[in-house]
């Protein structure tokens, strides 16, 4: 009941005219960004981070959350009509959605994606409402040793497990930790990694790193990969509304996708790619019409993954708000926005900033309704966005990134840093180094160092505190297992002899 009363207060905040406009702006902008191939919510929120110096925190996070949810919706449009995922999480949607569009059922594919996103987003937001206070009560029992172990687990799962290469992921992480340690050490007063530059004594602004990696670097990468020629946009045929049979085939995948997406999104190794693939695999196994998968297009293969996609987006917000742990690139950018306001997400956030947290959660319910209205009737408008000339789009992003960064401090040094980090971001994308661990390492690295020092101070320098505390030991064991486990599995598979055909056997 306490959660419901807090949510009611959140609706009082979110339903003010000003915040409704921010929510509408965020959902509209997010949908448009989701439609454009190669761009995503992380890039967009990074580009808008400089507004944190002028806009109220509650309004800014309502805007950012609207962009996040909107991009989840909009990515399905490009996947279905263009066979080009607008977001990495909508790769699976393209498998069946584009085949449905080619067979004249594009309207049904778009409808089941939009309605499934609404159902999953609403249920996922309810999950945030009731799960966040429970996680907070549990997290309040953490001491410095437990927090340090939890951050190590987050480092490992986000950097080493989810990427294509553990070495590349951990390299990106350590680069981010290095950037986070630049400046004056708060405990000793000594300058670290400043190389004699006075401008670096205050450290590197996380906004510059986020914009450099996700706006400048990503724009360079997308522009460099742009090929000559035009993609074929499949025109919509028939009604946008689903038939009775399509409804009956969609509602169970919506619920199953939500059940898969939300808990995986809420895990330290969360994200949207894993649950969407799991949902697709499950729907293919459970379908009564498996012959439609990969041929004419099965509506279950669109409904389930899209629901899992949006439910995971809601799940990602749980560890970010309650523990201060980002489990995706977008969550890492939003966490940097909290730092810009001097707000530390974690167990005390619900007590110190209840208006912000519950206003944000309430805005997610409102944003889901707005997105349903925006996506179904206005699909023709979103398709026209695909006709924007890419050179103009990329040039506009770079102009906004430059103006926004210079507006933070009016420092030419910041602009040099922006484009140096942007060039590094381009090279990272080119050679398949994940960029999200850089921001995660930059934000959580100094916090992990702080908790490590506190734990060692409390234990009088005894490092066994991380083993004698049961919860800390369990978290460190999970982190070690996440790194070593896959390697051991691969090794045992290589060592296990394959069965050979015995001569004379029939």
Protein backbone atom coordinates (compact mmCIF):
# COMPACT_ATOMS: atom_id res chain seq x y z
CA UNK A 1 0.00 0.00 0.00
CA UNK A 2 2.90 2.35 0.70
CA UNK A 3 4.07 1.91 -2.89
CA UNK A 4 0.60 2.79 -4.21
CA UNK A 5 0.39 5.95 -2.12
CA UNK A 6 3.88 6.97 -3.28
CA UNK A 7 2.83 6.29 -6.89
CA UNK A 8 -0.24 8.50 -6.41
CA UNK A 9 2.10 11.30 -5.35
CA UNK A 10 4.20 10.57 -8.42
CA UNK A 11 1.16 11.02 -10.69
CA UNK A 12 0.55 14.41 -9.06
CA UNK A 13 4.06 15.37 -10.18
CA UNK A 14 3.92 13.78 -13.64
CA UNK A 15 0.48 15.18 -14.55
CA UNK A 16 1.51 18.83 -14.27
CA UNK A 17 1.30 20.55 -17.70
CA UNK A 18 5.04 21.16 -17.83
CA UNK A 19 5.99 17.53 -17.11
CA UNK A 20 3.35 16.23 -19.52
CA UNK A 21 4.98 18.31 -22.25
CA UNK A 22 8.42 16.91 -21.36
CA UNK A 23 6.98 13.39 -21.48
CA UNK A 24 5.37 14.03 -24.87
CA UNK A 25 8.62 15.51 -26.20
CA UNK A 26 10.63 12.53 -24.93
CA UNK A 27 8.31 9.87 -26.34
CA UNK A 28 8.05 11.64 -29.72
CA UNK A 29 11.81 12.20 -30.00
CA UNK A 30 12.53 8.66 -28.80
CA UNK A 31 10.21 7.14 -31.40
CA UNK A 32 11.84 9.18 -34.16
CA UNK A 33 15.34 8.15 -33.01
CA UNK A 34 14.28 4.51 -32.75
CA UNK A 35 13.06 4.61 -36.34
CA UNK A 36 16.38 5.92 -37.70
CA UNK A 37 18.80 3.01 -38.30
CA UNK A 38 22.07 3.17 -36.40
CA UNK A 39 20.94 5.73 -33.84
CA UNK A 40 19.59 4.84 -30.43
CA UNK A 41 18.52 6.17 -27.01
CA UNK A 42 22.08 6.19 -25.61
CA UNK A 43 23.29 8.53 -28.36
CA UNK A 44 20.24 10.80 -28.03
CA UNK A 45 20.35 11.10 -24.24
CA UNK A 46 24.12 11.71 -24.40
CA UNK A 47 23.48 14.50 -26.89
CA UNK A 48 20.92 16.09 -24.53
CA UNK A 49 23.00 15.78 -21.35
CA UNK A 50 24.01 19.48 -21.39
CA UNK A 51 20.38 20.42 -20.61
CA UNK A 52 20.99 19.10 -17.09
CA UNK A 53 22.66 22.43 -16.34
CA UNK A 54 19.41 24.33 -17.05
CA UNK A 55 16.42 21.98 -16.59
CA UNK A 56 14.83 20.72 -13.36
CA UNK A 57 15.97 17.14 -12.53
CA UNK A 58 12.46 15.66 -12.52
CA UNK A 59 11.65 17.16 -15.93
CA UNK A 60 15.00 16.03 -17.38
CA UNK A 61 14.57 12.42 -16.28
CA UNK A 62 10.98 12.32 -17.50
CA UNK A 63 12.37 13.45 -20.88
CA UNK A 64 15.17 10.85 -20.82
CA UNK A 65 12.85 8.01 -19.79
CA UNK A 66 10.43 8.99 -22.57
CA UNK A 67 13.29 8.83 -25.09
CA UNK A 68 14.33 5.41 -23.74
CA UNK A 69 10.85 3.90 -23.95
CA UNK A 70 10.12 5.63 -27.28
CA UNK A 71 13.24 4.22 -28.93
CA UNK A 72 12.14 0.71 -27.90
CA UNK A 73 8.83 1.31 -29.70
CA UNK A 74 10.27 3.06 -32.77
CA UNK A 75 12.93 0.47 -33.54
CA UNK A 76 10.27 -2.06 -34.52
CA UNK A 77 9.00 0.16 -37.38
CA UNK A 78 12.34 0.11 -39.19
CA UNK A 79 12.84 -3.59 -38.51
CA UNK A 80 9.44 -4.49 -39.97
CA UNK A 81 9.28 -2.15 -42.98
CA UNK A 82 12.98 -1.84 -43.85
CA UNK A 83 14.52 -5.04 -42.43
CA UNK A 84 17.09 -2.79 -40.76
CA UNK A 85 16.91 -2.76 -36.95
CA UNK A 86 16.79 0.79 -35.60
CA UNK A 87 18.00 -0.56 -32.25
CA UNK A 88 20.10 -3.63 -31.43
CA UNK A 89 17.24 -4.99 -29.35
CA UNK A 90 14.94 -5.11 -32.40
CA UNK A 91 17.18 -7.40 -34.46
CA UNK A 92 14.90 -10.36 -33.69
CA UNK A 93 11.80 -8.38 -34.70
CA UNK A 94 13.19 -8.04 -38.22
CA UNK A 95 13.36 -11.82 -38.65
CA UNK A 96 9.57 -12.31 -38.76
CA UNK A 97 8.26 -8.75 -39.00
CA UNK A 98 9.83 -8.02 -42.38
CA UNK A 99 8.57 -11.31 -43.80
CA UNK A 100 5.07 -10.44 -42.58
CA UNK A 101 5.37 -7.05 -44.31
CA UNK A 102 6.49 -8.69 -47.56
CA UNK A 103 3.51 -11.03 -47.45
CA UNK A 104 1.09 -8.11 -47.03
CA UNK A 105 0.67 -8.27 -43.24
CA UNK A 106 2.87 -5.31 -42.25
CA UNK A 107 -0.03 -3.56 -40.50
CA UNK A 108 -0.63 -6.55 -38.21
CA UNK A 109 3.10 -6.78 -37.45
CA UNK A 110 3.25 -3.09 -36.48
CA UNK A 111 0.08 -3.42 -34.39
CA UNK A 112 1.22 -6.44 -32.41
CA UNK A 113 4.60 -4.75 -31.84
CA UNK A 114 3.00 -1.53 -30.57
CA UNK A 115 0.34 -3.18 -28.41
CA UNK A 116 2.82 -5.75 -27.09
CA UNK A 117 5.20 -2.92 -26.20
CA UNK A 118 2.37 -1.16 -24.36
CA UNK A 119 1.38 -4.29 -22.41
CA UNK A 120 4.97 -5.15 -21.50
CA UNK A 121 5.90 -1.56 -20.67
CA UNK A 122 2.89 -1.19 -18.37
CA UNK A 123 3.51 -4.50 -16.57
CA UNK A 124 7.23 -3.72 -16.36
CA UNK A 125 6.53 -0.31 -14.84
CA UNK A 126 4.25 -1.98 -12.28
CA UNK A 127 7.23 -4.23 -11.54
CA UNK A 128 9.38 -1.16 -10.85
CA UNK A 129 6.67 0.24 -8.56
CA UNK A 130 6.51 -2.81 -6.32
CA UNK A 131 10.05 -4.21 -6.70
CA UNK A 132 12.06 -1.02 -6.14
CA UNK A 133 11.12 -0.63 -2.41
CA UNK A 134 11.92 -4.33 -1.82
CA UNK A 135 15.37 -3.99 -3.43
CA UNK A 136 16.00 -0.84 -1.39
CA UNK A 137 15.17 -2.60 1.90
CA UNK A 138 17.62 -5.36 0.96
CA UNK A 139 20.34 -2.95 -0.19
CA UNK A 140 20.20 -0.97 3.07
CA UNK A 141 21.80 -3.99 4.73
CA UNK A 142 24.90 -3.57 2.56
CA UNK A 143 28.15 -2.36 4.08
CA UNK A 144 31.24 -1.09 2.22
CA UNK A 145 32.51 -4.63 1.57
CA UNK A 146 29.18 -5.72 0.08
CA UNK A 147 28.94 -2.62 -2.12
CA UNK A 148 32.45 -3.11 -3.44
CA UNK A 149 31.70 -6.77 -4.23
CA UNK A 150 28.45 -5.78 -5.95
CA UNK A 151 30.28 -3.25 -8.14
CA UNK A 152 32.89 -5.86 -9.06
CA UNK A 153 30.04 -8.17 -10.10
CA UNK A 154 28.53 -5.38 -12.20
CA UNK A 155 31.92 -4.66 -13.80
CA UNK A 156 32.38 -8.30 -14.76
CA UNK A 157 28.88 -9.04 -16.01
CA UNK A 158 28.50 -5.90 -18.08
CA UNK A 159 32.05 -5.89 -19.47
CA UNK A 160 33.25 -9.47 -19.75
CA UNK A 161 30.16 -11.63 -20.11
CA UNK A 162 27.88 -9.74 -22.48
CA UNK A 163 30.44 -8.60 -25.04
CA UNK A 164 31.88 -10.63 -27.88
CA UNK A 165 35.26 -10.74 -26.11
CA UNK A 166 36.01 -10.61 -22.38
CA UNK A 167 39.42 -9.03 -23.06
CA UNK A 168 37.91 -6.22 -25.14
CA UNK A 169 35.15 -5.61 -22.59
CA UNK A 170 37.56 -5.45 -19.65
CA UNK A 171 39.94 -3.21 -21.64
CA UNK A 172 37.08 -0.75 -22.19
CA UNK A 173 36.20 -0.98 -18.50
CA UNK A 174 39.75 -0.19 -17.33
CA UNK A 175 39.93 2.73 -19.76
CA UNK A 176 36.76 4.10 -18.16
CA UNK A 177 38.15 3.58 -14.63
CA UNK A 178 41.30 5.43 -15.69
CA UNK A 179 39.22 8.39 -16.91
CA UNK A 180 37.25 8.38 -13.66
CA UNK A 181 40.42 8.56 -11.54
CA UNK A 182 41.80 11.64 -13.33
CA UNK A 183 41.89 14.68 -11.04
CA UNK A 184 42.51 15.28 -7.34
CA UNK A 185 42.20 12.33 -4.97
CA UNK A 186 39.63 13.44 -2.39
CA UNK A 187 41.29 11.53 0.47
CA UNK A 188 44.96 12.45 -0.06
CA UNK A 189 44.62 15.70 -2.00
CA UNK A 190 47.15 14.49 -4.57
CA UNK A 191 46.69 15.06 -8.30
CA UNK A 192 46.37 11.85 -10.33
CA UNK A 193 46.90 11.35 -14.08
CA UNK A 194 46.65 15.09 -14.84
CA UNK A 195 50.00 15.23 -16.74
CA UNK A 196 50.55 18.74 -15.44
CA UNK A 197 47.39 20.13 -17.03
CA UNK A 198 45.52 22.47 -14.66
CA UNK A 199 42.28 21.92 -16.59
CA UNK A 200 42.30 18.24 -15.54
CA UNK A 201 42.55 18.87 -11.79
CA UNK A 202 38.76 18.77 -11.49
CA UNK A 203 38.65 15.56 -13.48
CA UNK A 204 37.09 14.80 -16.85
CA UNK A 205 33.40 15.66 -17.05
CA UNK A 206 31.40 12.47 -17.57
CA UNK A 207 29.10 14.34 -19.97
CA UNK A 208 32.03 15.03 -22.31
CA UNK A 209 32.95 11.33 -22.30
CA UNK A 210 29.35 10.23 -22.86
CA UNK A 211 28.75 12.68 -25.71
CA UNK A 212 32.15 11.91 -27.24
CA UNK A 213 31.64 8.13 -27.23
CA UNK A 214 27.94 7.87 -28.01
CA UNK A 215 27.29 10.94 -30.15
CA UNK A 216 30.54 11.90 -31.89
CA UNK A 217 32.16 8.44 -32.05
CA UNK A 218 28.92 6.66 -32.99
CA UNK A 219 28.16 9.26 -35.68
CA UNK A 220 31.63 8.82 -37.20
CA UNK A 221 31.15 5.05 -37.18
CA UNK A 222 27.65 5.07 -38.71
CA UNK A 223 28.70 7.62 -41.34
CA UNK A 224 31.79 5.58 -42.24
CA UNK A 225 29.66 2.47 -42.76
CA UNK A 226 27.05 4.24 -44.88
CA UNK A 227 26.80 2.46 -48.23
CA UNK A 228 25.66 3.77 -51.58
CA UNK A 229 22.14 2.97 -52.74
CA UNK A 230 18.73 3.06 -51.13
CA UNK A 231 17.00 0.58 -48.88
CA UNK A 232 13.64 -0.70 -49.99
CA UNK A 233 10.83 0.49 -47.72
CA UNK A 234 7.96 -1.98 -47.98
CA UNK A 235 4.64 -0.09 -48.33
CA UNK A 236 1.88 -0.92 -45.87
CA UNK A 237 -0.98 -2.93 -47.30
CA UNK A 238 -4.41 -3.50 -45.80
CA UNK A 239 -5.62 -2.52 -42.34
CA UNK A 240 -3.44 -1.56 -39.39
CA UNK A 241 -5.75 -3.48 -37.07
CA UNK A 242 -5.29 -7.13 -36.16
CA UNK A 243 -7.89 -9.78 -36.85
CA UNK A 244 -9.49 -11.86 -34.09
CA UNK A 245 -7.13 -14.74 -34.91
CA UNK A 246 -4.06 -12.47 -34.74
CA UNK A 247 -5.20 -11.18 -31.35
CA UNK A 248 -5.57 -14.74 -30.06
CA UNK A 249 -2.09 -15.61 -31.33
CA UNK A 250 -0.49 -12.50 -29.81
CA UNK A 251 -1.68 -12.11 -26.23
CA UNK A 252 0.13 -15.13 -24.80
CA UNK A 253 3.47 -14.17 -26.43
CA UNK A 254 3.04 -10.66 -24.99
CA UNK A 255 2.78 -12.07 -21.47
CA UNK A 256 5.54 -14.63 -21.96
CA UNK A 257 7.85 -11.99 -23.43
CA UNK A 258 7.17 -9.71 -20.46
CA UNK A 259 7.92 -12.55 -18.02
CA UNK A 260 11.27 -13.15 -19.73
CA UNK A 261 12.28 -9.52 -20.35
CA UNK A 262 11.67 -7.83 -17.01
CA UNK A 263 13.74 -10.09 -14.70
CA UNK A 264 16.65 -10.31 -17.17
CA UNK A 265 16.63 -6.52 -17.59
CA UNK A 266 16.73 -6.11 -13.82
CA UNK A 267 19.79 -8.36 -13.44
CA UNK A 268 23.31 -6.87 -13.22
CA UNK A 269 23.98 -8.55 -16.57
CA UNK A 270 20.74 -7.23 -18.02
CA UNK A 271 19.99 -5.71 -21.38
CA UNK A 272 17.46 -6.28 -24.11
CA UNK A 273 19.28 -8.50 -26.61
CA UNK A 274 19.29 -11.70 -24.51
CA UNK A 275 15.57 -11.74 -23.57
CA UNK A 276 14.46 -10.95 -27.14
CA UNK A 277 16.39 -13.94 -28.51
CA UNK A 278 15.08 -16.15 -25.68
CA UNK A 279 11.52 -15.04 -26.37
CA UNK A 280 11.88 -15.74 -30.09
CA UNK A 281 13.27 -19.21 -29.38
CA UNK A 282 10.42 -19.96 -26.96
CA UNK A 283 7.69 -18.78 -29.36
CA UNK A 284 9.19 -20.85 -32.16
CA UNK A 285 9.12 -23.93 -29.92
CA UNK A 286 5.57 -23.33 -28.65
CA UNK A 287 3.99 -22.22 -31.93
CA UNK A 288 1.28 -24.37 -33.51
CA UNK A 289 2.40 -23.04 -36.90
CA UNK A 290 6.18 -23.44 -36.92
CA UNK A 291 6.19 -23.53 -40.72
CA UNK A 292 5.45 -19.77 -40.79
CA UNK A 293 8.74 -18.94 -39.01
CA UNK A 294 11.28 -17.84 -41.58
CA UNK A 295 8.86 -18.13 -44.52
CA UNK A 296 5.72 -15.96 -44.53
CA UNK A 297 6.39 -14.58 -41.05
CA UNK A 298 4.86 -15.69 -37.73
CA UNK A 299 3.11 -13.02 -35.66
CA UNK A 300 4.27 -14.73 -32.45
CA UNK A 301 7.87 -14.05 -33.53
CA UNK A 302 7.09 -10.32 -33.45
CA UNK A 303 4.79 -10.17 -30.41
CA UNK A 304 7.03 -12.03 -27.96
CA UNK A 305 10.40 -10.35 -28.68
CA UNK A 306 8.86 -6.87 -28.77
CA UNK A 307 7.24 -7.45 -25.37
CA UNK A 308 10.54 -8.80 -24.00
CA UNK A 309 12.34 -5.75 -25.40
CA UNK A 310 10.13 -3.22 -23.63
CA UNK A 311 9.85 -5.20 -20.40
CA UNK A 312 13.65 -5.37 -20.18
CA UNK A 313 13.81 -1.58 -20.62
CA UNK A 314 11.66 -1.25 -17.52
CA UNK A 315 13.75 -3.84 -15.69
CA UNK A 316 16.98 -1.95 -16.38
CA UNK A 317 15.67 0.99 -14.33
CA UNK A 318 15.38 -1.13 -11.14
CA UNK A 319 19.12 -1.62 -10.40
CA UNK A 320 19.90 1.89 -11.68
CA UNK A 321 17.49 3.62 -9.28
CA UNK A 322 17.85 1.33 -6.26
CA UNK A 323 21.51 0.29 -6.39
CA UNK A 324 23.08 2.89 -8.67
CA UNK A 325 24.16 0.14 -11.08
CA UNK A 326 23.74 0.71 -14.82
CA UNK A 327 23.23 -2.53 -16.78
CA UNK A 328 23.03 -1.00 -20.28
CA UNK A 329 24.58 1.86 -22.24
CA UNK A 330 21.44 3.98 -21.87
CA UNK A 331 21.32 3.40 -18.11
CA UNK A 332 24.98 4.42 -17.88
CA UNK A 333 24.23 7.69 -19.64
CA UNK A 334 21.25 8.34 -17.36
CA UNK A 335 23.46 7.63 -14.34
CA UNK A 336 25.89 10.28 -15.58
CA UNK A 337 22.95 12.70 -15.68
CA UNK A 338 22.30 11.97 -11.99
CA UNK A 339 25.91 12.86 -11.28
CA UNK A 340 25.49 16.15 -13.15
CA UNK A 341 22.79 17.06 -10.65
CA UNK A 342 24.89 15.89 -7.70
CA UNK A 343 22.39 13.09 -7.02
CA UNK A 344 23.66 9.62 -6.13
CA UNK A 345 21.29 6.81 -7.16
CA UNK A 346 21.13 4.02 -4.61
CA UNK A 347 19.14 2.81 -1.62
CA UNK A 348 18.69 6.32 -0.21
CA UNK A 349 17.39 7.80 -3.47
CA UNK A 350 13.76 6.90 -2.73
CA UNK A 351 14.02 8.74 0.59
CA UNK A 352 16.12 11.72 -0.52
CA UNK A 353 14.41 12.32 -3.91
CA UNK A 354 10.90 10.78 -3.67
CA UNK A 355 9.39 13.42 -5.96
CA UNK A 356 11.90 12.63 -8.70
CA UNK A 357 11.71 8.82 -8.43
CA UNK A 358 7.93 8.44 -8.18
CA UNK A 359 7.31 11.23 -10.69
CA UNK A 360 9.60 9.36 -13.10
CA UNK A 361 7.81 6.04 -12.52
CA UNK A 362 4.38 7.66 -12.96
CA UNK A 363 5.57 9.30 -16.20
CA UNK A 364 6.42 5.85 -17.57
CA UNK A 365 2.75 4.85 -17.31
CA UNK A 366 1.72 8.08 -19.05
CA UNK A 367 4.46 7.70 -21.67
CA UNK A 368 3.25 4.18 -22.52
CA UNK A 369 -0.21 5.52 -23.34
CA UNK A 370 1.29 8.35 -25.40
CA UNK A 371 3.48 5.90 -27.32
CA UNK A 372 0.54 3.66 -28.19
CA UNK A 373 -1.28 6.68 -29.66
CA UNK A 374 1.85 7.94 -31.43
CA UNK A 375 2.89 4.65 -33.01
CA UNK A 376 -0.26 3.17 -34.53
CA UNK A 377 -2.06 6.08 -36.25
CA UNK A 378 1.12 7.99 -37.16
CA UNK A 379 3.16 5.16 -38.65
CA UNK A 380 3.19 6.91 -42.04
CA UNK A 381 4.91 9.92 -40.46
CA UNK A 382 7.65 7.77 -38.92
CA UNK A 383 8.32 6.09 -42.26
CA UNK A 384 8.90 9.52 -43.86
CA UNK A 385 11.66 10.20 -41.32
CA UNK A 386 13.67 7.49 -43.06
CA UNK A 387 13.96 9.82 -46.07
CA UNK A 388 16.10 12.36 -44.19
CA UNK A 389 19.47 12.58 -46.03
CA UNK A 390 22.06 10.88 -43.77
CA UNK A 391 24.77 13.57 -44.29
CA UNK A 392 22.39 16.24 -42.92
CA UNK A 393 21.50 14.00 -39.99
CA UNK A 394 25.11 13.28 -39.05
CA UNK A 395 26.17 16.92 -39.47
CA UNK A 396 23.29 18.02 -37.22
CA UNK A 397 24.33 15.58 -34.50
CA UNK A 398 27.92 16.85 -34.55
CA UNK A 399 26.78 20.49 -34.43
CA UNK A 400 24.51 19.86 -31.43
CA UNK A 401 27.23 17.85 -29.67
CA UNK A 402 29.77 20.66 -30.17
CA UNK A 403 27.44 23.48 -29.07
CA UNK A 404 26.15 21.52 -26.07
CA UNK A 405 29.62 20.60 -24.84
CA UNK A 406 31.01 24.11 -25.26
CA UNK A 407 27.99 25.50 -23.41
CA UNK A 408 28.85 23.48 -20.29
CA UNK A 409 32.02 25.39 -19.39
CA UNK A 410 32.89 27.57 -22.42
CA UNK A 411 36.26 25.83 -22.48
CA UNK A 412 38.14 25.01 -25.71
CA UNK A 413 39.89 22.21 -23.78
CA UNK A 414 36.53 20.47 -23.39
CA UNK A 415 36.01 20.60 -27.16
CA UNK A 416 39.45 19.07 -27.76
CA UNK A 417 38.62 16.32 -25.24
CA UNK A 418 35.23 15.78 -26.90
CA UNK A 419 36.71 15.04 -30.32
CA UNK A 420 39.69 13.08 -28.96
CA UNK A 421 37.29 10.81 -27.06
CA UNK A 422 35.02 10.76 -30.12
CA UNK A 423 37.93 9.50 -32.25
CA UNK A 424 38.71 6.87 -29.60
CA UNK A 425 35.01 5.89 -29.61
CA UNK A 426 35.11 5.50 -33.40
CA UNK A 427 38.17 3.23 -33.19
CA UNK A 428 36.54 1.20 -30.41
CA UNK A 429 33.44 0.61 -32.53
CA UNK A 430 35.58 -0.15 -35.58
CA UNK A 431 37.55 -2.84 -33.74
CA UNK A 432 34.59 -4.19 -31.76
CA UNK A 433 35.44 -2.78 -28.34
CA UNK A 434 32.18 -2.10 -26.42
CA UNK A 435 31.73 1.54 -25.41
CA UNK A 436 29.21 1.12 -22.58
CA UNK A 437 31.84 -0.28 -20.11
CA UNK A 438 33.83 2.96 -20.49
CA UNK A 439 31.02 5.08 -19.02
CA UNK A 440 30.19 2.41 -16.44
CA UNK A 441 33.83 2.22 -15.36
CA UNK A 442 34.15 6.00 -15.23
CA UNK A 443 31.09 6.34 -12.98
CA UNK A 444 31.43 3.26 -10.78
CA UNK A 445 35.25 3.11 -10.67
CA UNK A 446 35.74 5.98 -8.19
CA UNK A 447 32.75 4.74 -6.15
CA UNK A 448 34.24 1.23 -6.01
CA UNK A 449 37.58 2.71 -4.90
CA UNK A 450 35.80 4.65 -2.17
CA UNK A 451 33.97 1.58 -0.87
CA UNK A 452 37.21 -0.46 -1.00
CA UNK A 453 39.01 2.13 1.10
CA UNK A 454 36.13 2.29 3.60
CA UNK A 455 36.04 -1.49 3.94
CA UNK A 456 39.81 -1.65 4.49
CA UNK A 457 39.66 1.20 7.03
CA UNK A 458 36.89 -0.49 9.02
CA UNK A 459 38.78 -3.82 9.03
CA UNK A 460 42.11 -2.16 9.93
CA UNK A 461 43.65 -3.21 6.63
CA UNK A 462 42.49 -6.82 6.80
CA UNK A 463 41.55 -7.87 3.24
CA UNK A 464 39.81 -11.00 4.52
CA UNK A 465 36.76 -8.81 5.22
CA UNK A 466 35.66 -9.53 1.66
CA UNK A 467 35.65 -13.27 2.39
CA UNK A 468 34.39 -13.35 5.97
CA UNK A 469 31.30 -11.29 5.09
CA UNK A 470 28.95 -13.93 3.56
CA UNK A 471 27.16 -11.63 1.11
CA UNK A 472 30.37 -10.00 -0.12
CA UNK A 473 32.00 -13.41 -0.56
CA UNK A 474 28.98 -14.72 -2.50
CA UNK A 475 29.00 -11.71 -4.84
CA UNK A 476 32.75 -12.02 -5.49
CA UNK A 477 32.31 -15.75 -6.11
CA UNK A 478 29.61 -14.99 -8.71
CA UNK A 479 31.92 -12.45 -10.37
CA UNK A 480 34.75 -14.97 -10.54
CA UNK A 481 32.41 -17.67 -11.84
CA UNK A 482 31.16 -15.30 -14.54
CA UNK A 483 34.72 -14.87 -15.83
CA UNK A 484 36.06 -18.40 -15.35
CA UNK A 485 32.85 -20.38 -15.97
CA UNK A 486 32.58 -19.87 -19.75
CA UNK A 487 36.29 -20.65 -20.19
CA UNK A 488 36.00 -23.87 -18.18
CA UNK A 489 32.94 -24.87 -20.17
CA UNK A 490 34.76 -24.33 -23.46
CA UNK A 491 37.79 -26.23 -22.16
CA UNK A 492 35.77 -29.25 -21.01
CA UNK A 493 33.92 -29.35 -24.33
CA UNK A 494 37.23 -29.44 -26.20
CA UNK A 495 38.56 -32.18 -23.91
CA UNK A 496 35.46 -34.39 -24.17
CA UNK A 497 36.02 -36.92 -26.98
CA UNK A 498 33.38 -36.92 -29.65
CA UNK A 499 31.63 -40.25 -30.27
CA UNK A 500 32.88 -41.94 -33.41
CA UNK A 501 31.10 -44.42 -35.58
CA UNK A 502 32.24 -47.95 -34.70
CA UNK A 503 32.96 -50.09 -37.79
CA UNK A 504 30.36 -52.75 -38.33
CA UNK A 505 27.55 -50.87 -36.55
CA UNK A 506 24.36 -50.63 -38.53
